[in-house]
Structure formats: structure tokens, C-alpha cells
mmCIF file of all heavy atoms, coordinates in Angstrom:
data_MODEL
# 
_entry.id   MODEL 
# 
loop_
_atom_site.group_PDB 
_atom_site.id 
_atom_site.type_symbol 
_atom_site.label_atom_id 
_atom_site.label_alt_id 
_atom_site.label_comp_id 
_atom_site.label_asym_id 
_atom_site.label_entity_id 
_atom_site.label_seq_id 
_atom_site.pdbx_PDB_ins_code 
_atom_site.Cartn_x 
_atom_site.Cartn_y 
_atom_site.Cartn_z 
_atom_site.occupancy 
_atom_site.B_iso_or_equiv 
_atom_site.pdbx_formal_charge 
_atom_site.auth_seq_id 
_atom_site.auth_comp_id 
_atom_site.auth_asym_id 
_atom_site.auth_atom_id 
_atom_site.pdbx_PDB_model_num 
ATOM 1   N N   . SER A 1 1  ? -55.801 40.745 -57.590 1.00 0.00 ? 1  SER A N   1 
ATOM 2   C CA  . SER A 1 1  ? -57.057 41.404 -56.953 1.00 0.00 ? 1  SER A CA  1 
ATOM 3   C C   . SER A 1 1  ? -57.832 42.047 -58.012 1.00 0.00 ? 1  SER A C   1 
ATOM 4   O O   . SER A 1 1  ? -57.082 42.651 -58.990 1.00 0.00 ? 1  SER A O   1 
ATOM 5   C CB  . SER A 1 1  ? -56.715 42.087 -55.754 1.00 0.00 ? 1  SER A CB  1 
ATOM 6   O OG  . SER A 1 1  ? -56.114 41.533 -54.780 1.00 0.00 ? 1  SER A OG  1 
ATOM 7   N N   . LEU A 1 2  ? -59.134 42.102 -57.896 1.00 0.00 ? 2  LEU A N   1 
ATOM 8   C CA  . LEU A 1 2  ? -59.912 42.961 -58.683 1.00 0.00 ? 2  LEU A CA  1 
ATOM 9   C C   . LEU A 1 2  ? -61.028 43.444 -57.727 1.00 0.00 ? 2  LEU A C   1 
ATOM 10  O O   . LEU A 1 2  ? -61.385 42.737 -56.843 1.00 0.00 ? 2  LEU A O   1 
ATOM 11  C CB  . LEU A 1 2  ? -60.521 42.145 -59.851 1.00 0.00 ? 2  LEU A CB  1 
ATOM 12  C CG  . LEU A 1 2  ? -59.836 41.832 -61.031 1.00 0.00 ? 2  LEU A CG  1 
ATOM 13  C CD1 . LEU A 1 2  ? -60.503 40.926 -61.990 1.00 0.00 ? 2  LEU A CD1 1 
ATOM 14  C CD2 . LEU A 1 2  ? -59.235 42.976 -61.749 1.00 0.00 ? 2  LEU A CD2 1 
ATOM 15  N N   . ARG A 1 3  ? -61.588 44.645 -58.088 1.00 0.00 ? 3  ARG A N   1 
ATOM 16  C CA  . ARG A 1 3  ? -62.754 45.091 -57.410 1.00 0.00 ? 3  ARG A CA  1 
ATOM 17  C C   . ARG A 1 3  ? -63.910 45.421 -58.439 1.00 0.00 ? 3  ARG A C   1 
ATOM 18  O O   . ARG A 1 3  ? -63.727 46.041 -59.357 1.00 0.00 ? 3  ARG A O   1 
ATOM 19  C CB  . ARG A 1 3  ? -62.643 46.396 -56.695 1.00 0.00 ? 3  ARG A CB  1 
ATOM 20  C CG  . ARG A 1 3  ? -63.853 46.772 -55.772 1.00 0.00 ? 3  ARG A CG  1 
ATOM 21  C CD  . ARG A 1 3  ? -63.547 47.918 -54.887 1.00 0.00 ? 3  ARG A CD  1 
ATOM 22  N NE  . ARG A 1 3  ? -63.640 49.194 -55.625 1.00 0.00 ? 3  ARG A NE  1 
ATOM 23  C CZ  . ARG A 1 3  ? -63.960 50.396 -55.120 1.00 0.00 ? 3  ARG A CZ  1 
ATOM 24  N NH1 . ARG A 1 3  ? -64.304 50.436 -53.841 1.00 0.00 ? 3  ARG A NH1 1 
ATOM 25  N NH2 . ARG A 1 3  ? -63.981 51.546 -55.823 1.00 0.00 ? 3  ARG A NH2 1 
ATOM 26  N N   . LEU A 1 4  ? -65.038 44.618 -58.287 1.00 0.00 ? 4  LEU A N   1 
ATOM 27  C CA  . LEU A 1 4  ? -66.219 44.758 -59.197 1.00 0.00 ? 4  LEU A CA  1 
ATOM 28  C C   . LEU A 1 4  ? -67.190 45.675 -58.468 1.00 0.00 ? 4  LEU A C   1 
ATOM 29  O O   . LEU A 1 4  ? -67.216 45.865 -57.382 1.00 0.00 ? 4  LEU A O   1 
ATOM 30  C CB  . LEU A 1 4  ? -66.998 43.437 -59.382 1.00 0.00 ? 4  LEU A CB  1 
ATOM 31  C CG  . LEU A 1 4  ? -66.093 42.236 -59.930 1.00 0.00 ? 4  LEU A CG  1 
ATOM 32  C CD1 . LEU A 1 4  ? -66.957 41.027 -59.997 1.00 0.00 ? 4  LEU A CD1 1 
ATOM 33  C CD2 . LEU A 1 4  ? -65.301 42.564 -61.100 1.00 0.00 ? 4  LEU A CD2 1 
ATOM 34  N N   . ALA A 1 5  ? -67.820 46.485 -59.455 1.00 0.00 ? 5  ALA A N   1 
ATOM 35  C CA  . ALA A 1 5  ? -68.829 47.448 -58.958 1.00 0.00 ? 5  ALA A CA  1 
ATOM 36  C C   . ALA A 1 5  ? -70.117 47.279 -59.748 1.00 0.00 ? 5  ALA A C   1 
ATOM 37  O O   . ALA A 1 5  ? -70.117 46.826 -60.955 1.00 0.00 ? 5  ALA A O   1 
ATOM 38  C CB  . ALA A 1 5  ? -68.352 48.891 -59.142 1.00 0.00 ? 5  ALA A CB  1 
ATOM 39  N N   . CYS A 1 6  ? -71.256 47.548 -59.116 1.00 0.00 ? 6  CYS A N   1 
ATOM 40  C CA  . CYS A 1 6  ? -72.574 47.363 -59.715 1.00 0.00 ? 6  CYS A CA  1 
ATOM 41  C C   . CYS A 1 6  ? -73.284 48.619 -59.272 1.00 0.00 ? 6  CYS A C   1 
ATOM 42  O O   . CYS A 1 6  ? -73.604 48.838 -58.122 1.00 0.00 ? 6  CYS A O   1 
ATOM 43  C CB  . CYS A 1 6  ? -73.150 46.068 -59.299 1.00 0.00 ? 6  CYS A CB  1 
ATOM 44  S SG  . CYS A 1 6  ? -75.012 45.938 -59.751 1.00 0.00 ? 6  CYS A SG  1 
ATOM 45  N N   . GLN A 1 7  ? -73.660 49.379 -60.343 1.00 0.00 ? 7  GLN A N   1 
ATOM 46  C CA  . GLN A 1 7  ? -74.489 50.554 -59.991 1.00 0.00 ? 7  GLN A CA  1 
ATOM 47  C C   . GLN A 1 7  ? -75.821 50.434 -60.446 1.00 0.00 ? 7  GLN A C   1 
ATOM 48  O O   . GLN A 1 7  ? -76.121 49.972 -61.527 1.00 0.00 ? 7  GLN A O   1 
ATOM 49  C CB  . GLN A 1 7  ? -73.886 51.819 -60.779 1.00 0.00 ? 7  GLN A CB  1 
ATOM 50  C CG  . GLN A 1 7  ? -74.529 53.108 -60.374 1.00 0.00 ? 7  GLN A CG  1 
ATOM 51  C CD  . GLN A 1 7  ? -73.718 54.368 -60.651 1.00 0.00 ? 7  GLN A CD  1 
ATOM 52  O OE1 . GLN A 1 7  ? -72.995 54.362 -61.752 1.00 0.00 ? 7  GLN A OE1 1 
ATOM 53  N NE2 . GLN A 1 7  ? -73.827 55.430 -59.873 1.00 0.00 ? 7  GLN A NE2 1 
ATOM 54  N N   . ALA A 1 8  ? -76.757 50.676 -59.539 1.00 0.00 ? 8  ALA A N   1 
ATOM 55  C CA  . ALA A 1 8  ? -78.188 50.511 -59.761 1.00 0.00 ? 8  ALA A CA  1 
ATOM 56  C C   . ALA A 1 8  ? -78.949 51.629 -59.959 1.00 0.00 ? 8  ALA A C   1 
ATOM 57  O O   . ALA A 1 8  ? -78.600 52.820 -59.496 1.00 0.00 ? 8  ALA A O   1 
ATOM 58  C CB  . ALA A 1 8  ? -78.816 49.706 -58.520 1.00 0.00 ? 8  ALA A CB  1 
ATOM 59  N N   . SER A 1 9  ? -80.109 51.653 -60.780 1.00 0.00 ? 9  SER A N   1 
ATOM 60  C CA  . SER A 1 9  ? -80.960 52.708 -60.968 1.00 0.00 ? 9  SER A CA  1 
ATOM 61  C C   . SER A 1 9  ? -82.350 52.182 -61.023 1.00 0.00 ? 9  SER A C   1 
ATOM 62  O O   . SER A 1 9  ? -82.572 51.028 -61.434 1.00 0.00 ? 9  SER A O   1 
ATOM 63  C CB  . SER A 1 9  ? -80.507 53.535 -62.227 1.00 0.00 ? 9  SER A CB  1 
ATOM 64  O OG  . SER A 1 9  ? -80.554 52.773 -63.383 1.00 0.00 ? 9  SER A OG  1 
ATOM 65  N N   . GLY A 1 10 ? -83.381 53.082 -60.879 1.00 0.00 ? 10 GLY A N   1 
ATOM 66  C CA  . GLY A 1 10 ? -84.729 52.634 -61.033 1.00 0.00 ? 10 GLY A CA  1 
ATOM 67  C C   . GLY A 1 10 ? -85.293 51.816 -59.898 1.00 0.00 ? 10 GLY A C   1 
ATOM 68  O O   . GLY A 1 10 ? -86.386 51.300 -60.128 1.00 0.00 ? 10 GLY A O   1 
ATOM 69  N N   . LEU A 1 11 ? -84.662 51.801 -58.856 1.00 0.00 ? 11 LEU A N   1 
ATOM 70  C CA  . LEU A 1 11 ? -85.194 51.064 -57.686 1.00 0.00 ? 11 LEU A CA  1 
ATOM 71  C C   . LEU A 1 11 ? -84.764 51.869 -56.316 1.00 0.00 ? 11 LEU A C   1 
ATOM 72  O O   . LEU A 1 11 ? -83.903 52.495 -56.348 1.00 0.00 ? 11 LEU A O   1 
ATOM 73  C CB  . LEU A 1 11 ? -84.849 49.576 -57.747 1.00 0.00 ? 11 LEU A CB  1 
ATOM 74  C CG  . LEU A 1 11 ? -83.462 49.128 -57.177 1.00 0.00 ? 11 LEU A CG  1 
ATOM 75  C CD1 . LEU A 1 11 ? -83.405 47.749 -56.909 1.00 0.00 ? 11 LEU A CD1 1 
ATOM 76  C CD2 . LEU A 1 11 ? -82.375 49.588 -58.090 1.00 0.00 ? 11 LEU A CD2 1 
ATOM 77  N N   . ALA A 1 12 ? -85.415 51.497 -55.297 1.00 0.00 ? 12 ALA A N   1 
ATOM 78  C CA  . ALA A 1 12 ? -85.181 51.958 -53.943 1.00 0.00 ? 12 ALA A CA  1 
ATOM 79  C C   . ALA A 1 12 ? -84.006 51.167 -53.472 1.00 0.00 ? 12 ALA A C   1 
ATOM 80  O O   . ALA A 1 12 ? -84.142 50.313 -52.580 1.00 0.00 ? 12 ALA A O   1 
ATOM 81  C CB  . ALA A 1 12 ? -86.297 51.994 -53.032 1.00 0.00 ? 12 ALA A CB  1 
ATOM 82  N N   . PHE A 1 13 ? -82.806 51.573 -53.874 1.00 0.00 ? 13 PHE A N   1 
ATOM 83  C CA  . PHE A 1 13 ? -81.593 50.741 -53.592 1.00 0.00 ? 13 PHE A CA  1 
ATOM 84  C C   . PHE A 1 13 ? -81.373 50.472 -52.132 1.00 0.00 ? 13 PHE A C   1 
ATOM 85  O O   . PHE A 1 13 ? -80.991 49.373 -51.692 1.00 0.00 ? 13 PHE A O   1 
ATOM 86  C CB  . PHE A 1 13 ? -80.317 51.426 -54.192 1.00 0.00 ? 13 PHE A CB  1 
ATOM 87  C CG  . PHE A 1 13 ? -79.148 50.736 -54.115 1.00 0.00 ? 13 PHE A CG  1 
ATOM 88  C CD1 . PHE A 1 13 ? -78.781 49.657 -54.932 1.00 0.00 ? 13 PHE A CD1 1 
ATOM 89  C CD2 . PHE A 1 13 ? -78.183 50.968 -53.114 1.00 0.00 ? 13 PHE A CD2 1 
ATOM 90  C CE1 . PHE A 1 13 ? -77.576 48.984 -54.826 1.00 0.00 ? 13 PHE A CE1 1 
ATOM 91  C CE2 . PHE A 1 13 ? -76.913 50.443 -52.941 1.00 0.00 ? 13 PHE A CE2 1 
ATOM 92  C CZ  . PHE A 1 13 ? -76.729 49.343 -53.727 1.00 0.00 ? 13 PHE A CZ  1 
ATOM 93  N N   . SER A 1 14 ? -81.519 51.518 -51.239 1.00 0.00 ? 14 SER A N   1 
ATOM 94  C CA  . SER A 1 14 ? -81.324 51.416 -49.880 1.00 0.00 ? 14 SER A CA  1 
ATOM 95  C C   . SER A 1 14 ? -82.123 50.439 -49.156 1.00 0.00 ? 14 SER A C   1 
ATOM 96  O O   . SER A 1 14 ? -81.908 50.081 -48.076 1.00 0.00 ? 14 SER A O   1 
ATOM 97  C CB  . SER A 1 14 ? -81.266 52.815 -49.181 1.00 0.00 ? 14 SER A CB  1 
ATOM 98  O OG  . SER A 1 14 ? -82.615 53.437 -49.340 1.00 0.00 ? 14 SER A OG  1 
ATOM 99  N N   . LEU A 1 15 ? -83.220 50.007 -49.865 1.00 0.00 ? 15 LEU A N   1 
ATOM 100 C CA  . LEU A 1 15 ? -84.334 49.148 -49.236 1.00 0.00 ? 15 LEU A CA  1 
ATOM 101 C C   . LEU A 1 15 ? -84.132 47.611 -49.562 1.00 0.00 ? 15 LEU A C   1 
ATOM 102 O O   . LEU A 1 15 ? -84.813 46.804 -49.217 1.00 0.00 ? 15 LEU A O   1 
ATOM 103 C CB  . LEU A 1 15 ? -85.681 49.621 -49.514 1.00 0.00 ? 15 LEU A CB  1 
ATOM 104 C CG  . LEU A 1 15 ? -85.984 51.044 -49.109 1.00 0.00 ? 15 LEU A CG  1 
ATOM 105 C CD1 . LEU A 1 15 ? -87.476 51.306 -49.463 1.00 0.00 ? 15 LEU A CD1 1 
ATOM 106 C CD2 . LEU A 1 15 ? -85.973 51.232 -47.589 1.00 0.00 ? 15 LEU A CD2 1 
ATOM 107 N N   . VAL A 1 16 ? -83.217 47.432 -50.513 1.00 0.00 ? 16 VAL A N   1 
ATOM 108 C CA  . VAL A 1 16 ? -83.115 45.966 -51.070 1.00 0.00 ? 16 VAL A CA  1 
ATOM 109 C C   . VAL A 1 16 ? -81.817 45.455 -50.806 1.00 0.00 ? 16 VAL A C   1 
ATOM 110 O O   . VAL A 1 16 ? -80.786 46.005 -50.791 1.00 0.00 ? 16 VAL A O   1 
ATOM 111 C CB  . VAL A 1 16 ? -83.470 46.031 -52.583 1.00 0.00 ? 16 VAL A CB  1 
ATOM 112 C CG1 . VAL A 1 16 ? -84.854 46.513 -52.843 1.00 0.00 ? 16 VAL A CG1 1 
ATOM 113 C CG2 . VAL A 1 16 ? -82.383 46.817 -53.492 1.00 0.00 ? 16 VAL A CG2 1 
ATOM 114 N N   . ALA A 1 17 ? -81.906 44.014 -50.584 1.00 0.00 ? 17 ALA A N   1 
ATOM 115 C CA  . ALA A 1 17 ? -80.640 43.314 -50.574 1.00 0.00 ? 17 ALA A CA  1 
ATOM 116 C C   . ALA A 1 17 ? -80.056 43.172 -51.968 1.00 0.00 ? 17 ALA A C   1 
ATOM 117 O O   . ALA A 1 17 ? -80.707 43.231 -52.856 1.00 0.00 ? 17 ALA A O   1 
ATOM 118 C CB  . ALA A 1 17 ? -80.994 41.853 -50.008 1.00 0.00 ? 17 ALA A CB  1 
ATOM 119 N N   . MET A 1 18 ? -78.739 43.039 -51.943 1.00 0.00 ? 18 MET A N   1 
ATOM 120 C CA  . MET A 1 18 ? -77.920 42.979 -53.230 1.00 0.00 ? 18 MET A CA  1 
ATOM 121 C C   . MET A 1 18 ? -77.062 41.725 -53.007 1.00 0.00 ? 18 MET A C   1 
ATOM 122 O O   . MET A 1 18 ? -76.595 41.124 -52.093 1.00 0.00 ? 18 MET A O   1 
ATOM 123 C CB  . MET A 1 18 ? -77.117 44.005 -53.505 1.00 0.00 ? 18 MET A CB  1 
ATOM 124 C CG  . MET A 1 18 ? -77.911 45.408 -53.579 1.00 0.00 ? 18 MET A CG  1 
ATOM 125 S SD  . MET A 1 18 ? -79.083 45.545 -55.090 1.00 0.00 ? 18 MET A SD  1 
ATOM 126 C CE  . MET A 1 18 ? -77.716 45.503 -56.342 1.00 0.00 ? 18 MET A CE  1 
ATOM 127 N N   . SER A 1 19 ? -76.636 41.048 -54.158 1.00 0.00 ? 19 SER A N   1 
ATOM 128 C CA  . SER A 1 19 ? -75.793 39.913 -54.299 1.00 0.00 ? 19 SER A CA  1 
ATOM 129 C C   . SER A 1 19 ? -74.999 39.918 -55.549 1.00 0.00 ? 19 SER A C   1 
ATOM 130 O O   . SER A 1 19 ? -75.242 40.528 -56.523 1.00 0.00 ? 19 SER A O   1 
ATOM 131 C CB  . SER A 1 19 ? -76.662 38.729 -54.010 1.00 0.00 ? 19 SER A CB  1 
ATOM 132 O OG  . SER A 1 19 ? -77.727 38.589 -55.151 1.00 0.00 ? 19 SER A OG  1 
ATOM 133 N N   . TRP A 1 20 ? -73.984 39.084 -55.392 1.00 0.00 ? 20 TRP A N   1 
ATOM 134 C CA  . TRP A 1 20 ? -73.087 38.828 -56.507 1.00 0.00 ? 20 TRP A CA  1 
ATOM 135 C C   . TRP A 1 20 ? -73.230 37.239 -56.784 1.00 0.00 ? 20 TRP A C   1 
ATOM 136 O O   . TRP A 1 20 ? -73.072 36.473 -55.922 1.00 0.00 ? 20 TRP A O   1 
ATOM 137 C CB  . TRP A 1 20 ? -71.704 39.101 -56.343 1.00 0.00 ? 20 TRP A CB  1 
ATOM 138 C CG  . TRP A 1 20 ? -71.435 40.551 -56.348 1.00 0.00 ? 20 TRP A CG  1 
ATOM 139 C CD1 . TRP A 1 20 ? -71.277 41.411 -55.280 1.00 0.00 ? 20 TRP A CD1 1 
ATOM 140 C CD2 . TRP A 1 20 ? -71.140 41.364 -57.548 1.00 0.00 ? 20 TRP A CD2 1 
ATOM 141 N NE1 . TRP A 1 20 ? -70.983 42.775 -55.798 1.00 0.00 ? 20 TRP A NE1 1 
ATOM 142 C CE2 . TRP A 1 20 ? -70.977 42.636 -57.073 1.00 0.00 ? 20 TRP A CE2 1 
ATOM 143 C CE3 . TRP A 1 20 ? -71.084 41.049 -58.945 1.00 0.00 ? 20 TRP A CE3 1 
ATOM 144 C CZ2 . TRP A 1 20 ? -70.638 43.793 -57.947 1.00 0.00 ? 20 TRP A CZ2 1 
ATOM 145 C CZ3 . TRP A 1 20 ? -70.668 42.126 -59.817 1.00 0.00 ? 20 TRP A CZ3 1 
ATOM 146 C CH2 . TRP A 1 20 ? -70.629 43.448 -59.291 1.00 0.00 ? 20 TRP A CH2 1 
ATOM 147 N N   . TYR A 1 21 ? -73.394 36.847 -58.092 1.00 0.00 ? 21 TYR A N   1 
ATOM 148 C CA  . TYR A 1 21 ? -73.472 35.471 -58.618 1.00 0.00 ? 21 TYR A CA  1 
ATOM 149 C C   . TYR A 1 21 ? -72.289 35.338 -59.631 1.00 0.00 ? 21 TYR A C   1 
ATOM 150 O O   . TYR A 1 21 ? -71.833 36.253 -60.201 1.00 0.00 ? 21 TYR A O   1 
ATOM 151 C CB  . TYR A 1 21 ? -74.793 35.083 -59.118 1.00 0.00 ? 21 TYR A CB  1 
ATOM 152 C CG  . TYR A 1 21 ? -75.853 34.923 -58.168 1.00 0.00 ? 21 TYR A CG  1 
ATOM 153 C CD1 . TYR A 1 21 ? -76.553 35.910 -57.373 1.00 0.00 ? 21 TYR A CD1 1 
ATOM 154 C CD2 . TYR A 1 21 ? -76.242 33.526 -57.955 1.00 0.00 ? 21 TYR A CD2 1 
ATOM 155 C CE1 . TYR A 1 21 ? -77.466 35.665 -56.544 1.00 0.00 ? 21 TYR A CE1 1 
ATOM 156 C CE2 . TYR A 1 21 ? -77.367 33.355 -56.947 1.00 0.00 ? 21 TYR A CE2 1 
ATOM 157 C CZ  . TYR A 1 21 ? -77.852 34.407 -56.302 1.00 0.00 ? 21 TYR A CZ  1 
ATOM 158 O OH  . TYR A 1 21 ? -78.886 34.056 -55.403 1.00 0.00 ? 21 TYR A OH  1 
ATOM 159 N N   . ARG A 1 22 ? -71.943 34.085 -59.811 1.00 0.00 ? 22 ARG A N   1 
ATOM 160 C CA  . ARG A 1 22 ? -70.999 33.871 -61.037 1.00 0.00 ? 22 ARG A CA  1 
ATOM 161 C C   . ARG A 1 22 ? -71.379 32.563 -61.747 1.00 0.00 ? 22 ARG A C   1 
ATOM 162 O O   . ARG A 1 22 ? -72.003 31.702 -61.109 1.00 0.00 ? 22 ARG A O   1 
ATOM 163 C CB  . ARG A 1 22 ? -69.613 33.906 -60.526 1.00 0.00 ? 22 ARG A CB  1 
ATOM 164 C CG  . ARG A 1 22 ? -69.290 32.638 -59.569 1.00 0.00 ? 22 ARG A CG  1 
ATOM 165 C CD  . ARG A 1 22 ? -67.839 32.748 -59.078 1.00 0.00 ? 22 ARG A CD  1 
ATOM 166 N NE  . ARG A 1 22 ? -67.437 31.571 -58.250 1.00 0.00 ? 22 ARG A NE  1 
ATOM 167 C CZ  . ARG A 1 22 ? -66.307 31.491 -57.625 1.00 0.00 ? 22 ARG A CZ  1 
ATOM 168 N NH1 . ARG A 1 22 ? -65.331 32.455 -57.619 1.00 0.00 ? 22 ARG A NH1 1 
ATOM 169 N NH2 . ARG A 1 22 ? -66.143 30.367 -56.819 1.00 0.00 ? 22 ARG A NH2 1 
ATOM 170 N N   . GLN A 1 23 ? -71.115 32.535 -62.980 1.00 0.00 ? 23 GLN A N   1 
ATOM 171 C CA  . GLN A 1 23 ? -71.311 31.371 -63.738 1.00 0.00 ? 23 GLN A CA  1 
ATOM 172 C C   . GLN A 1 23 ? -70.252 31.068 -64.790 1.00 0.00 ? 23 GLN A C   1 
ATOM 173 O O   . GLN A 1 23 ? -69.767 31.980 -65.477 1.00 0.00 ? 23 GLN A O   1 
ATOM 174 C CB  . GLN A 1 23 ? -72.511 31.473 -64.597 1.00 0.00 ? 23 GLN A CB  1 
ATOM 175 C CG  . GLN A 1 23 ? -72.985 30.202 -65.181 1.00 0.00 ? 23 GLN A CG  1 
ATOM 176 C CD  . GLN A 1 23 ? -74.448 30.337 -65.860 1.00 0.00 ? 23 GLN A CD  1 
ATOM 177 O OE1 . GLN A 1 23 ? -74.887 31.432 -66.314 1.00 0.00 ? 23 GLN A OE1 1 
ATOM 178 N NE2 . GLN A 1 23 ? -75.073 29.278 -66.023 1.00 0.00 ? 23 GLN A NE2 1 
ATOM 179 N N   . ALA A 1 24 ? -69.384 29.830 -64.574 1.00 0.00 ? 24 ALA A N   1 
ATOM 180 C CA  . ALA A 1 24 ? -68.482 29.408 -65.388 1.00 0.00 ? 24 ALA A CA  1 
ATOM 181 C C   . ALA A 1 24 ? -69.168 28.623 -66.490 1.00 0.00 ? 24 ALA A C   1 
ATOM 182 O O   . ALA A 1 24 ? -70.214 27.965 -66.327 1.00 0.00 ? 24 ALA A O   1 
ATOM 183 C CB  . ALA A 1 24 ? -67.443 28.699 -64.616 1.00 0.00 ? 24 ALA A CB  1 
ATOM 184 N N   . PRO A 1 25 ? -68.399 28.471 -67.584 1.00 0.00 ? 25 PRO A N   1 
ATOM 185 C CA  . PRO A 1 25 ? -68.841 27.646 -68.795 1.00 0.00 ? 25 PRO A CA  1 
ATOM 186 C C   . PRO A 1 25 ? -69.202 26.168 -68.326 1.00 0.00 ? 25 PRO A C   1 
ATOM 187 O O   . PRO A 1 25 ? -68.408 25.609 -67.574 1.00 0.00 ? 25 PRO A O   1 
ATOM 188 C CB  . PRO A 1 25 ? -67.824 27.619 -69.737 1.00 0.00 ? 25 PRO A CB  1 
ATOM 189 C CG  . PRO A 1 25 ? -67.210 29.040 -69.484 1.00 0.00 ? 25 PRO A CG  1 
ATOM 190 C CD  . PRO A 1 25 ? -67.111 29.151 -68.043 1.00 0.00 ? 25 PRO A CD  1 
ATOM 191 N N   . GLY A 1 26 ? -70.406 25.757 -68.654 1.00 0.00 ? 26 GLY A N   1 
ATOM 192 C CA  . GLY A 1 26 ? -70.802 24.306 -68.305 1.00 0.00 ? 26 GLY A CA  1 
ATOM 193 C C   . GLY A 1 26 ? -71.152 24.120 -66.897 1.00 0.00 ? 26 GLY A C   1 
ATOM 194 O O   . GLY A 1 26 ? -71.483 22.983 -66.369 1.00 0.00 ? 26 GLY A O   1 
ATOM 195 N N   . LYS A 1 27 ? -71.215 25.187 -66.056 1.00 0.00 ? 27 LYS A N   1 
ATOM 196 C CA  . LYS A 1 27 ? -71.609 25.088 -64.694 1.00 0.00 ? 27 LYS A CA  1 
ATOM 197 C C   . LYS A 1 27 ? -72.860 25.964 -64.389 1.00 0.00 ? 27 LYS A C   1 
ATOM 198 O O   . LYS A 1 27 ? -73.194 26.760 -65.072 1.00 0.00 ? 27 LYS A O   1 
ATOM 199 C CB  . LYS A 1 27 ? -70.377 25.470 -63.704 1.00 0.00 ? 27 LYS A CB  1 
ATOM 200 C CG  . LYS A 1 27 ? -69.279 24.631 -63.738 1.00 0.00 ? 27 LYS A CG  1 
ATOM 201 C CD  . LYS A 1 27 ? -68.163 25.022 -62.862 1.00 0.00 ? 27 LYS A CD  1 
ATOM 202 C CE  . LYS A 1 27 ? -66.968 24.345 -62.953 1.00 0.00 ? 27 LYS A CE  1 
ATOM 203 N NZ  . LYS A 1 27 ? -65.972 24.772 -61.870 1.00 0.00 ? 27 LYS A NZ  1 
# 
């Protein structure tokens, strides 16, 4: 298991949707 975190600044964080994407080599 792992837990990733993403900390945001410079935007109204509580008003925006957030998402996680991933990209593997060649995909």
C-alpha cells in the first residue's frame, strides 16, 4: 500500500473538484 498526497495553493481549493491521473510509459 501507498498513500499519495497533493497539496494545493493559489486557488479556492474548497470550491473545486480534484482528481488523480496516471500515465505509464507508452500509454
